[in-house]
């Protein structure tokens, strides 16, 4: 029941309990002190009377005078607390006696040492007198007990007032300094728990432990608020990513029940999130036969029996192994969709699995593209294999990675014999340096057309017209070269024959030209002879004409 009390009631209970305990201890201490001092107080009262009696009774004891002794004892009536008094002689005879009670009788007192002796409600004093006599005084303790009770009552009242004042003051102080701040803190914590509002703060002033507690709480709330804001931003970011992701993202609890289902997964499978979250497992859209085959594969791989259920997706991730595979999803409308599925285990700080997340995407387009690529490759292969040109592909290390049937036929090898060999294996040694220079040009990104001769397997020469181009990947890394070769051996033979005929013709033309030159020289010589003669005849005719003219002038 005490645990159910509020902290204020607990503090009040503790303070009042402490006050009561203090009161009880103080009262017990005072009572104990009173009991310890009772003999001393009784002695303080009785000894003066004993001294008075012993002085006055010296003569009465010496002369054994009972009358004088009684007179002396009767003086004790002045103190009503003295209830009895006796003087006993050394031989045990009673000399005189005084009693405040009329019916009192002599009591034989055993011999005791001088001192004060306390009984239940009586204090008895024994004092030796002269000649072996003894004085016995008895005093009632009622008055002393009454005084003690009065003192105890006054003390108790004072203690009660003091303790009540102290307790109420402490309660008020604790209420102000501890209970109220802690209650405020508790109410704030409750509000935070209920509303999740991390903007709540508590008043915190001072330097005591409660103030530091409030300051620490405010600092903690500030840190939590900052983390909550970061978490909200991260959650919003993750939600945005999940909602806008092109791939389906499906998370599950450790037992396989779906815990999240993003819009891409909804589009892929035709289910809404409300239809599967907290209701279905991934087995809902998987082909049972596929799951059974995968379970057999995993059982053989892992060496333990894997059931054809959710374990086919979780067995490897539970062992920190990657799980990526192609599956066939069955949509809500019954259509089958080929997908790629990657499953990862979600682990906490203690490496405990808190769930699984699967990333999946539709392979329909990729499968279609692969089929088209295969068809294209087959078509390309047919074209390459039936091409009239030789096709030769070298890798980045200049080793042969592909040679079509026409290229192999040109060199007299099979395609398999050429794979993995450098192109220089099929060349003449003196042509190798030029080939290495051209490969370096290819690495620099240059494409070239040139003639290249090769040595066939049987040693014959094959001349080709080469068109080579380099191959680079998306990051512009050299991946080799691609070249097409056209057999021009017949052309080379024809050119050689044409060159021979040309040389022969040029020789014949030179010989004929020499003959013509000799004949031309002879003709020129004869021509010079005829021309000189003609000139002389003309000159002679001119002279004859001049002579005839002169002769005519002379003739009248």
Protein backbone atom coordinates (compact mmCIF):
# COMPACT_ATOMS: atom_id res chain seq x y z
CA UNK A 1 0.00 0.00 0.00
CA UNK A 2 2.87 2.36 0.83
CA UNK A 3 4.15 1.97 -2.74
CA UNK A 4 0.87 3.27 -4.11
CA UNK A 5 1.11 6.52 -2.17
CA UNK A 6 2.15 9.71 -3.90
CA UNK A 7 5.59 11.09 -3.14
CA UNK A 8 3.97 13.87 -1.09
CA UNK A 9 2.12 11.37 1.08
CA UNK A 10 5.22 9.22 1.34
CA UNK A 11 7.27 12.19 2.52
CA UNK A 12 4.51 13.17 4.98
CA UNK A 13 4.33 9.61 6.22
CA UNK A 14 8.10 9.49 6.61
CA UNK A 15 8.29 12.87 8.37
CA UNK A 16 5.44 12.14 10.77
CA UNK A 17 6.90 8.73 11.45
CA UNK A 18 10.29 10.33 12.11
CA UNK A 19 8.60 12.91 14.39
CA UNK A 20 6.82 10.20 16.32
CA UNK A 21 10.01 8.23 16.62
CA UNK A 22 11.86 11.33 17.78
CA UNK A 23 9.11 12.03 20.30
CA UNK A 24 9.23 8.45 21.58
CA UNK A 25 13.02 8.50 21.80
CA UNK A 26 13.02 11.89 23.55
CA UNK A 27 10.31 10.76 25.98
CA UNK A 28 12.11 7.52 26.69
CA UNK A 29 15.36 9.41 27.18
CA UNK A 30 13.72 11.87 29.55
CA UNK A 31 12.04 9.06 31.50
CA UNK A 32 15.29 7.21 31.69
CA UNK A 33 17.03 10.37 32.84
CA UNK A 34 14.35 10.93 35.48
CA UNK A 35 14.74 7.36 36.75
CA UNK A 36 18.50 7.80 36.89
CA UNK A 37 18.20 11.08 38.78
CA UNK A 38 15.40 9.91 41.12
CA UNK A 39 17.81 8.63 43.77
CA UNK A 40 19.83 11.83 43.65
CA UNK A 41 16.74 13.97 44.00
CA UNK A 42 15.47 11.85 46.88
CA UNK A 43 18.86 12.09 48.54
CA UNK A 44 18.82 15.88 48.12
CA UNK A 45 15.51 15.99 50.01
CA UNK A 46 16.24 13.39 52.71
CA UNK A 47 19.85 14.06 53.65
CA UNK A 48 19.26 17.53 55.19
CA UNK A 49 16.59 16.00 57.46
CA UNK A 50 18.83 13.09 58.29
CA UNK A 51 21.61 15.48 59.26
CA UNK A 52 19.24 17.48 61.37
CA UNK A 53 17.94 14.39 63.16
CA UNK A 54 21.40 12.90 63.69
CA UNK A 55 22.68 16.10 65.33
CA UNK A 56 19.65 16.52 67.51
CA UNK A 57 19.48 12.87 68.49
CA UNK A 58 23.04 12.52 69.73
CA UNK A 59 22.11 13.11 73.40
CA UNK A 60 18.91 11.05 73.15
CA UNK A 61 20.88 8.10 71.74
CA UNK A 62 23.60 8.51 74.29
CA UNK A 63 21.13 8.51 77.19
CA UNK A 64 18.62 6.23 75.40
CA UNK A 65 15.95 8.91 75.89
CA UNK A 66 12.87 7.90 73.81
CA UNK A 67 11.00 11.11 74.52
CA UNK A 68 13.72 13.36 73.28
CA UNK A 69 14.18 11.14 70.32
CA UNK A 70 10.49 11.32 69.42
CA UNK A 71 10.54 15.11 69.76
CA UNK A 72 13.34 15.26 67.31
CA UNK A 73 11.59 12.89 64.90
CA UNK A 74 8.35 14.84 65.13
CA UNK A 75 10.13 17.80 63.55
CA UNK A 76 9.92 15.79 60.31
CA UNK A 77 6.22 16.56 60.06
CA UNK A 78 7.23 19.79 58.37
CA UNK A 79 7.82 17.75 55.22
CA UNK A 80 4.79 15.66 54.36
CA UNK A 81 6.92 13.65 51.95
CA UNK A 82 8.68 11.98 54.94
CA UNK A 83 6.36 9.16 55.74
CA UNK A 84 8.30 7.29 58.41
CA UNK A 85 11.37 7.69 60.62
CA UNK A 86 12.93 5.34 63.23
CA UNK A 87 15.96 5.43 65.51
CA UNK A 88 17.20 1.97 66.32
CA UNK A 89 19.80 1.38 68.93
CA UNK A 90 22.89 -0.69 68.32
CA UNK A 91 21.31 -3.74 70.01
CA UNK A 92 18.30 -3.56 67.70
CA UNK A 93 15.85 -1.96 70.08
CA UNK A 94 13.59 0.79 68.79
CA UNK A 95 14.39 4.08 70.51
CA UNK A 96 11.84 6.29 68.80
CA UNK A 97 9.57 6.21 65.81
CA UNK A 98 7.67 8.68 63.63
CA UNK A 99 5.00 7.87 61.04
CA UNK A 100 2.58 9.98 59.10
CA UNK A 101 0.21 6.98 59.22
CA UNK A 102 -1.57 6.21 62.45
CA UNK A 103 -1.63 2.44 62.05
CA UNK A 104 2.03 2.01 61.28
CA UNK A 105 3.91 -0.68 63.21
CA UNK A 106 7.59 -1.18 63.84
CA UNK A 107 9.36 -3.03 61.14
CA UNK A 108 12.55 -4.79 61.70
CA UNK A 109 15.05 -3.34 59.31
CA UNK A 110 17.89 -5.54 58.11
CA UNK A 111 21.23 -3.97 58.63
CA UNK A 112 22.29 -2.10 55.48
CA UNK A 113 25.17 0.19 54.64
CA UNK A 114 24.48 3.88 54.82
CA UNK A 115 22.80 5.18 51.66
CA UNK A 116 19.52 5.72 49.88
CA UNK A 117 17.52 2.73 48.71
CA UNK A 118 14.59 2.99 46.29
CA UNK A 119 11.64 0.65 46.45
CA UNK A 120 8.52 0.62 44.29
CA UNK A 121 7.11 3.92 45.51
CA UNK A 122 9.34 4.70 48.50
CA UNK A 123 12.84 5.99 49.05
CA UNK A 124 14.61 4.76 52.23
CA UNK A 125 17.65 6.41 53.78
CA UNK A 126 19.93 4.59 56.21
CA UNK A 127 22.41 6.62 58.28
CA UNK A 128 24.62 5.50 61.11
CA UNK A 129 24.45 7.31 64.47
CA UNK A 130 26.74 7.16 67.49
CA UNK A 131 27.10 4.08 69.56
CA UNK A 132 26.06 1.80 66.68
CA UNK A 133 22.56 3.28 66.39
CA UNK A 134 20.94 3.81 62.99
CA UNK A 135 18.48 6.29 61.61
CA UNK A 136 15.93 5.05 59.10
CA UNK A 137 13.98 7.59 57.01
CA UNK A 138 11.27 6.63 54.50
CA UNK A 139 9.96 9.10 51.99
CA UNK A 140 7.06 8.68 49.57
CA UNK A 141 8.04 9.14 45.93
CA UNK A 142 4.56 10.23 44.84
CA UNK A 143 5.46 13.88 44.80
CA UNK A 144 8.69 13.29 42.93
CA UNK A 145 6.86 11.03 40.45
CA UNK A 146 4.19 13.68 40.04
CA UNK A 147 6.82 16.29 39.40
CA UNK A 148 8.48 13.95 36.97
CA UNK A 149 5.19 13.36 35.17
CA UNK A 150 4.54 17.08 35.00
CA UNK A 151 7.99 17.69 33.61
CA UNK A 152 7.47 14.86 31.14
CA UNK A 153 4.10 16.26 30.08
CA UNK A 154 5.51 19.74 29.65
CA UNK A 155 8.48 18.32 27.80
CA UNK A 156 6.23 16.15 25.67
CA UNK A 157 3.99 19.08 24.84
CA UNK A 158 7.00 21.17 23.91
CA UNK A 159 8.50 18.34 21.87
CA UNK A 160 5.17 17.73 20.15
CA UNK A 161 4.79 21.42 19.30
CA UNK A 162 8.41 21.58 18.14
CA UNK A 163 8.17 18.37 16.10
CA UNK A 164 4.85 19.40 14.57
CA UNK A 165 6.30 22.79 13.66
CA UNK A 166 9.45 21.23 12.27
CA UNK A 167 7.48 18.55 10.40
CA UNK A 168 5.05 21.05 8.90
CA UNK A 169 7.94 23.34 7.99
CA UNK A 170 9.82 20.46 6.43
CA UNK A 171 6.70 19.36 4.59
CA UNK A 172 6.20 22.87 3.27
CA UNK A 173 9.87 23.16 2.28
CA UNK A 174 9.90 19.69 0.74
CA UNK A 175 6.63 20.45 -0.98
CA UNK A 176 8.16 23.56 -2.52
CA UNK A 177 11.66 22.25 -3.24
CA UNK A 178 11.10 18.55 -3.95
CA UNK A 179 7.50 17.40 -4.16
CA UNK A 180 6.22 20.14 -6.44
CA UNK A 181 9.17 19.96 -8.90
CA UNK A 182 9.01 16.17 -8.93
CA UNK A 183 5.23 16.23 -9.37
CA UNK A 184 5.65 18.73 -12.20
CA UNK A 185 8.33 16.50 -13.67
CA UNK A 186 6.09 13.43 -13.35
CA UNK A 187 3.16 15.25 -14.98
CA UNK A 188 5.43 16.46 -17.79
CA UNK A 189 6.79 12.94 -18.31
CA UNK A 190 3.23 11.63 -18.44
CA UNK A 191 2.30 14.28 -21.01
CA UNK A 192 5.34 13.34 -23.07
CA UNK A 193 4.40 9.66 -22.82
CA UNK A 194 0.78 10.25 -23.81
CA UNK A 195 1.21 12.93 -26.45
CA UNK A 196 4.76 12.27 -27.62
CA UNK A 197 5.37 16.02 -27.34
CA UNK A 198 9.09 16.50 -26.78
CA UNK A 199 8.73 20.30 -26.55
CA UNK A 200 7.65 19.95 -22.90
CA UNK A 201 9.99 21.48 -20.30
CA UNK A 202 9.95 21.82 -16.49
CA UNK A 203 10.96 24.88 -14.43
CA UNK A 204 14.51 24.33 -13.20
CA UNK A 205 16.28 26.94 -11.08
CA UNK A 206 18.91 26.60 -8.42
CA UNK A 207 21.84 24.27 -7.98
CA UNK A 208 20.45 21.47 -5.81
CA UNK A 209 19.87 17.90 -6.91
CA UNK A 210 16.21 18.49 -7.84
CA UNK A 211 17.15 21.53 -9.92
CA UNK A 212 19.90 19.53 -11.61
CA UNK A 213 17.36 16.76 -12.19
CA UNK A 214 15.04 19.26 -13.89
CA UNK A 215 17.92 20.72 -15.90
CA UNK A 216 19.03 17.23 -16.90
CA UNK A 217 15.45 16.39 -17.88
CA UNK A 218 15.22 19.54 -20.00
CA UNK A 219 18.59 18.76 -21.59
CA UNK A 220 17.47 15.19 -22.19
CA UNK A 221 14.20 16.41 -23.73
CA UNK A 222 16.19 18.80 -25.91
CA UNK A 223 18.39 15.94 -27.09
CA UNK A 224 15.37 13.69 -27.60
CA UNK A 225 13.58 16.47 -29.45
CA UNK A 226 16.57 16.95 -31.71
CA UNK A 227 16.82 13.20 -32.27
CA UNK A 228 13.06 13.07 -32.83
CA UNK A 229 13.32 15.88 -35.38
CA UNK A 230 16.19 14.05 -37.07
CA UNK A 231 14.21 10.83 -36.93
CA UNK A 232 11.15 12.56 -38.36
CA UNK A 233 13.24 14.02 -41.15
CA UNK A 234 14.86 10.63 -41.73
CA UNK A 235 11.48 8.91 -41.60
CA UNK A 236 10.06 11.46 -44.03
CA UNK A 237 13.10 10.98 -46.25
CA UNK A 238 12.77 7.20 -46.04
CA UNK A 239 9.03 7.40 -46.66
CA UNK A 240 9.65 9.64 -49.64
CA UNK A 241 12.25 7.19 -50.92
CA UNK A 242 9.93 4.25 -50.34
CA UNK A 243 6.99 5.99 -51.99
CA UNK A 244 9.01 7.23 -54.96
CA UNK A 245 11.23 4.16 -55.37
CA UNK A 246 10.91 2.44 -58.72
CA UNK A 247 11.56 -0.94 -57.08
CA UNK A 248 9.17 -2.77 -54.81
CA UNK A 249 10.23 -2.68 -51.13
CA UNK A 250 8.53 -5.12 -48.75
CA UNK A 251 9.49 -5.49 -45.09
CA UNK A 252 8.34 -8.22 -42.73
CA UNK A 253 8.45 -9.08 -39.04
CA UNK A 254 10.76 -11.93 -37.96
CA UNK A 255 7.85 -14.39 -38.40
CA UNK A 256 7.32 -13.27 -42.00
CA UNK A 257 4.15 -11.17 -41.62
CA UNK A 258 4.33 -8.13 -43.91
CA UNK A 259 4.96 -4.89 -42.02
CA UNK A 260 5.35 -2.43 -44.93
CA UNK A 261 4.42 -2.45 -48.61
CA UNK A 262 5.49 0.51 -50.77
CA UNK A 263 3.56 1.88 -53.81
CA UNK A 264 5.95 0.21 -56.28
CA UNK A 265 5.14 -3.15 -54.67
CA UNK A 266 1.43 -2.32 -54.96
CA UNK A 267 1.85 -1.62 -58.67
CA UNK A 268 3.94 -4.74 -59.18
CA UNK A 269 1.61 -7.19 -57.39
CA UNK A 270 -1.78 -5.52 -57.69
CA UNK A 271 -2.41 -5.65 -53.92
CA UNK A 272 -2.88 -2.58 -51.74
CA UNK A 273 -0.88 -2.14 -48.57
CA UNK A 274 -4.04 -2.47 -46.47
CA UNK A 275 -4.65 -5.90 -47.96
CA UNK A 276 -1.29 -7.37 -46.94
CA UNK A 277 0.25 -5.37 -44.06
CA UNK A 278 -0.11 -7.32 -40.77
CA UNK A 279 -2.20 -9.91 -42.66
CA UNK A 280 -0.16 -11.79 -45.25
CA UNK A 281 3.29 -13.31 -45.73
CA UNK A 282 5.29 -13.25 -48.99
CA UNK A 283 4.07 -16.78 -49.69
CA UNK A 284 0.81 -15.11 -50.77
CA UNK A 285 2.29 -14.10 -54.15
CA UNK A 286 4.95 -16.79 -54.65
CA UNK A 287 4.66 -19.94 -56.76
CA UNK A 288 4.49 -22.91 -54.31
CA UNK A 289 6.41 -25.17 -56.70
CA UNK A 290 9.21 -22.60 -56.98
CA UNK A 291 9.36 -22.33 -53.18
CA UNK A 292 9.52 -26.11 -52.84
CA UNK A 293 12.41 -26.35 -55.33
CA UNK A 294 14.25 -23.54 -53.55
CA UNK A 295 13.71 -25.26 -50.19
CA UNK A 296 15.37 -28.42 -51.53
CA UNK A 297 18.32 -26.40 -52.86
CA UNK A 298 18.78 -24.60 -49.53
CA UNK A 299 18.45 -27.82 -47.54
CA UNK A 300 21.25 -29.36 -49.59
CA UNK A 301 23.36 -26.18 -49.44
CA UNK A 302 22.96 -25.47 -45.69
CA UNK A 303 22.92 -29.05 -44.50
CA UNK A 304 19.59 -28.78 -42.68
CA UNK A 305 15.96 -29.09 -43.61
CA UNK A 306 14.41 -25.83 -44.85
CA UNK A 307 10.63 -25.84 -45.01
CA UNK A 308 9.02 -24.51 -48.22
CA UNK A 309 7.61 -21.39 -46.57
CA UNK A 310 9.01 -18.07 -45.40
CA UNK A 311 12.26 -19.84 -44.44
CA UNK A 312 13.25 -20.08 -48.12
CA UNK A 313 13.68 -16.27 -48.06
CA UNK A 314 15.06 -15.90 -44.50
CA UNK A 315 17.39 -18.91 -44.11
CA UNK A 316 20.45 -17.31 -45.70
CA UNK A 317 19.96 -13.77 -44.27
CA UNK A 318 19.63 -15.31 -40.77
CA UNK A 319 23.15 -16.70 -41.29
CA UNK A 320 24.49 -13.37 -42.62
CA UNK A 321 24.56 -14.80 -46.14
CA UNK A 322 23.34 -12.89 -49.21
CA UNK A 323 19.98 -13.90 -50.63
CA UNK A 324 19.42 -12.85 -54.25
CA UNK A 325 17.40 -14.86 -56.69
CA UNK A 326 14.96 -14.68 -59.55
CA UNK A 327 11.37 -15.60 -58.74
CA UNK A 328 7.99 -15.68 -60.37
CA UNK A 329 5.44 -13.45 -58.60
CA UNK A 330 1.76 -14.22 -59.00
CA UNK A 331 -0.19 -10.98 -59.18
CA UNK A 332 -3.59 -10.52 -57.59
CA UNK A 333 -5.16 -10.91 -61.07
CA UNK A 334 -3.30 -14.23 -61.56
CA UNK A 335 -0.70 -12.94 -64.03
CA UNK A 336 2.86 -14.22 -63.57
CA UNK A 337 5.67 -11.69 -63.35
CA UNK A 338 9.40 -12.59 -63.43
CA UNK A 339 11.23 -10.59 -60.75
CA UNK A 340 14.60 -10.26 -59.08
CA UNK A 341 14.36 -10.42 -55.26
CA UNK A 342 17.07 -9.46 -52.77
CA UNK A 343 16.40 -10.14 -49.06
CA UNK A 344 18.32 -8.60 -46.13
CA UNK A 345 17.94 -9.16 -42.38
CA UNK A 346 17.23 -6.09 -40.22
CA UNK A 347 19.32 -6.39 -37.05
CA UNK A 348 19.29 -4.41 -33.80
CA UNK A 349 22.21 -3.28 -31.67
CA UNK A 350 22.56 -6.72 -30.07
CA UNK A 351 22.58 -8.33 -33.54
CA UNK A 352 19.08 -9.61 -32.88
CA UNK A 353 16.97 -9.94 -36.02
CA UNK A 354 14.12 -7.44 -35.94
CA UNK A 355 12.72 -8.28 -39.35
CA UNK A 356 13.54 -8.65 -43.03
CA UNK A 357 13.35 -6.33 -46.02
CA UNK A 358 13.06 -7.40 -49.62
CA UNK A 359 13.96 -5.32 -52.66
CA UNK A 360 12.33 -6.52 -55.86
CA UNK A 361 11.96 -5.29 -59.42
CA UNK A 362 10.17 -6.50 -62.52
CA UNK A 363 12.31 -8.46 -64.98
CA UNK A 364 9.70 -8.54 -67.75
CA UNK A 365 11.34 -5.82 -69.82
CA UNK A 366 14.82 -7.18 -69.12
CA UNK A 367 13.73 -10.68 -70.09
CA UNK A 368 12.21 -9.27 -73.26
CA UNK A 369 15.38 -7.28 -73.92
CA UNK A 370 17.51 -10.36 -73.27
CA UNK A 371 15.41 -12.36 -75.68
CA UNK A 372 15.70 -9.61 -78.27
CA UNK A 373 19.42 -9.44 -77.58
CA UNK A 374 19.78 -13.19 -78.03
CA UNK A 375 17.84 -12.98 -81.28
CA UNK A 376 19.97 -10.01 -82.32
CA UNK A 377 23.15 -11.85 -81.38
CA UNK A 378 22.02 -14.89 -83.31
CA UNK A 379 21.23 -12.68 -86.28
CA UNK A 380 24.54 -10.89 -85.89
CA UNK A 381 26.29 -14.25 -85.60
CA UNK A 382 24.70 -15.41 -88.83
CA UNK A 383 25.71 -12.17 -90.52
CA UNK A 384 29.24 -12.37 -89.17
CA UNK A 385 29.62 -16.02 -90.01
CA UNK A 386 28.34 -15.50 -93.56
CA UNK A 387 30.16 -12.21 -94.18
CA UNK A 388 32.62 -12.15 -97.09
CA UNK A 389 35.02 -10.09 -94.95
CA UNK A 390 37.09 -11.53 -92.18
CA UNK A 391 36.24 -10.17 -88.72
CA UNK A 392 38.85 -10.21 -85.99
CA UNK A 393 38.41 -8.91 -82.41
CA UNK A 394 41.35 -8.40 -80.05
CA UNK A 395 41.12 -7.85 -76.27
CA UNK A 396 42.94 -5.15 -74.29
CA UNK A 397 45.93 -7.49 -74.07
CA UNK A 398 45.90 -7.78 -77.92
CA UNK A 399 44.93 -11.45 -77.66
CA UNK A 400 42.32 -12.85 -80.03
CA UNK A 401 38.85 -13.01 -78.49
CA UNK A 402 36.87 -13.65 -81.67
CA UNK A 403 37.49 -14.54 -85.31
CA UNK A 404 34.70 -15.37 -87.73
CA UNK A 405 34.70 -18.30 -90.10
CA UNK A 406 35.80 -16.17 -93.08
CA UNK A 407 38.86 -14.87 -91.17
CA UNK A 408 39.81 -18.37 -90.13
CA UNK A 409 39.36 -19.57 -93.72
CA UNK A 410 41.64 -16.81 -95.03
CA UNK A 411 44.46 -17.99 -92.73
CA UNK A 412 43.79 -21.71 -93.03
CA UNK A 413 43.01 -22.13 -89.29
CA UNK A 414 39.89 -22.99 -87.36
CA UNK A 415 38.32 -20.32 -85.17
CA UNK A 416 39.20 -22.28 -82.00
CA UNK A 417 42.88 -22.38 -83.02
CA UNK A 418 42.99 -18.60 -83.23
CA UNK A 419 41.30 -17.76 -79.89
CA UNK A 420 43.74 -16.57 -77.20
CA UNK A 421 46.64 -16.02 -79.61
CA UNK A 422 48.17 -12.64 -80.50
CA UNK A 423 47.73 -11.33 -83.99
CA UNK A 424 51.51 -11.37 -84.48
CA UNK A 425 51.40 -15.19 -84.50
CA UNK A 426 49.85 -14.94 -87.96
CA UNK A 427 52.15 -12.23 -89.36
CA UNK A 428 55.59 -12.04 -90.87
CA UNK A 429 58.20 -11.00 -88.35
CA UNK A 430 59.18 -7.86 -90.26
CA UNK A 431 55.56 -6.60 -90.13
CA UNK A 432 55.25 -6.89 -86.31
CA UNK A 433 56.67 -3.43 -85.44
CA UNK A 434 54.15 -1.75 -87.71
CA UNK A 435 51.34 -3.74 -86.08
CA UNK A 436 52.48 -2.67 -82.58
CA UNK A 437 52.52 0.99 -83.69
CA UNK A 438 49.00 0.70 -85.00
CA UNK A 439 47.80 -0.95 -81.74
CA UNK A 440 49.27 2.01 -79.86
CA UNK A 441 47.33 4.30 -82.21
CA UNK A 442 44.18 2.35 -81.36
CA UNK A 443 44.81 2.92 -77.66
CA UNK A 444 44.91 6.62 -78.47
CA UNK A 445 41.48 6.30 -80.09
CA UNK A 446 42.54 6.34 -83.75
CA UNK A 447 40.77 4.30 -86.44
CA UNK A 448 42.80 3.32 -89.51
CA UNK A 449 42.55 1.72 -92.94
CA UNK A 450 45.63 0.00 -94.30
CA UNK A 451 46.91 -3.09 -96.10
CA UNK A 452 48.24 -5.99 -94.07
CA UNK A 453 49.75 -9.25 -95.15
CA UNK A 454 49.45 -12.47 -93.16
CA UNK A 455 51.11 -15.86 -93.26
CA UNK A 456 48.68 -18.70 -93.80
CA UNK A 457 49.00 -21.94 -91.87
CA UNK A 458 50.63 -23.50 -94.96
CA UNK A 459 53.12 -20.62 -95.21
CA UNK A 460 51.47 -18.82 -98.12
CA UNK A 461 50.99 -15.07 -98.10
CA UNK A 462 47.56 -13.48 -97.81
CA UNK A 463 47.12 -9.81 -98.50
CA UNK A 464 44.20 -8.02 -96.85
CA UNK A 465 42.69 -4.57 -96.80
CA UNK A 466 42.24 -3.78 -93.09
CA UNK A 467 39.75 -1.42 -91.47
CA UNK A 468 40.46 -1.28 -87.69
CA UNK A 469 38.78 0.70 -84.93
CA UNK A 470 39.39 0.76 -81.15
CA UNK A 471 36.87 -0.44 -78.53
CA UNK A 472 36.30 1.60 -75.36
CA UNK A 473 33.92 1.05 -72.44
CA UNK A 474 31.60 3.71 -70.95
CA UNK A 475 34.47 5.07 -68.86
CA UNK A 476 36.69 5.31 -71.94
CA UNK A 477 38.95 2.45 -70.90
CA UNK A 478 40.58 0.63 -73.82
CA UNK A 479 38.99 -2.77 -74.28
CA UNK A 480 40.66 -3.91 -77.52
CA UNK A 481 40.09 -3.40 -81.21
CA UNK A 482 37.70 -4.54 -83.92
CA UNK A 483 38.92 -5.06 -87.46
CA UNK A 484 37.46 -6.21 -90.78
CA UNK A 485 39.74 -7.81 -93.37
CA UNK A 486 39.09 -8.08 -97.11
CA UNK A 487 41.19 -10.59 -99.04
CA UNK A 488 43.00 -8.66 -101.79
CA UNK A 489 45.52 -11.38 -102.67
CA UNK A 490 44.15 -11.68 -106.24
CA UNK A 491 44.20 -7.93 -106.58
CA UNK A 492 47.79 -7.94 -105.41
CA UNK A 493 48.63 -10.62 -108.01
CA UNK A 494 46.88 -8.61 -110.72
CA UNK A 495 48.70 -5.48 -109.65
CA UNK A 496 51.97 -7.40 -109.75
CA UNK A 497 51.18 -8.67 -113.28
CA UNK A 498 50.15 -5.18 -114.33
CA UNK A 499 53.36 -3.81 -112.92
CA UNK A 500 55.36 -6.45 -114.83
CA UNK A 501 53.53 -5.64 -118.08
CA UNK A 502 54.01 -1.95 -117.45
CA UNK A 503 57.71 -2.43 -116.95
CA UNK A 504 57.93 -4.53 -120.12
CA UNK A 505 55.97 -1.88 -122.06
CA UNK A 506 58.14 0.86 -120.70
CA UNK A 507 61.21 -1.13 -121.82
CA UNK A 508 59.79 -1.55 -125.32
CA UNK A 509 58.81 2.13 -125.48
CA UNK A 510 62.33 3.10 -124.46
CA UNK A 511 63.81 0.86 -127.16
CA UNK A 512 61.41 2.20 -129.84
CA UNK A 513 62.06 5.72 -128.69
CA UNK A 514 65.80 5.16 -129.12
CA UNK A 515 65.25 3.85 -132.63
CA UNK A 516 63.04 6.82 -133.49
CA UNK A 517 65.56 9.21 -132.00
CA UNK A 518 68.32 7.74 -134.24
CA UNK A 519 66.14 7.98 -137.32
CA UNK A 520 65.13 11.52 -136.41
CA UNK A 521 68.78 12.48 -136.12
CA UNK A 522 69.51 11.07 -139.57
CA UNK A 523 66.51 12.85 -141.01
CA UNK A 524 67.60 16.07 -139.45
CA UNK A 525 71.07 15.66 -140.92
CA UNK A 526 69.63 14.97 -144.41
CA UNK A 527 67.24 17.83 -143.95
CA UNK A 528 70.07 20.16 -143.10
CA UNK A 529 71.88 19.03 -146.29
CA UNK A 530 68.79 19.59 -148.50
CA UNK A 531 67.95 22.88 -146.88
CA UNK A 532 71.54 24.20 -147.42
CA UNK A 533 71.42 23.25 -151.07
CA UNK A 534 68.08 24.93 -151.56
CA UNK A 535 69.41 28.06 -149.93
CA UNK A 536 72.40 28.15 -152.21
CA UNK A 537 70.12 27.66 -155.26
CA UNK A 538 67.93 30.53 -154.13
CA UNK A 539 70.95 32.66 -153.62
CA UNK A 540 72.25 31.66 -157.05
CA UNK A 541 68.92 32.48 -158.65
CA UNK A 542 68.93 35.86 -157.00
CA UNK A 543 72.41 36.58 -158.35
CA UNK A 544 71.39 35.41 -161.82
CA UNK A 545 68.43 37.70 -161.62
CA UNK A 546 70.58 40.62 -160.64
CA UNK A 547 72.99 39.88 -163.53
CA UNK A 548 70.12 39.68 -165.99
CA UNK A 549 68.85 42.95 -164.74
CA UNK A 550 72.18 44.58 -165.15
CA UNK A 551 72.54 43.19 -168.66
CA UNK A 552 69.18 44.53 -169.59
CA UNK A 553 70.04 47.99 -168.48
CA UNK A 554 73.12 48.01 -170.62
CA UNK A 555 71.28 46.96 -173.75
CA UNK A 556 69.58 49.98 -175.44
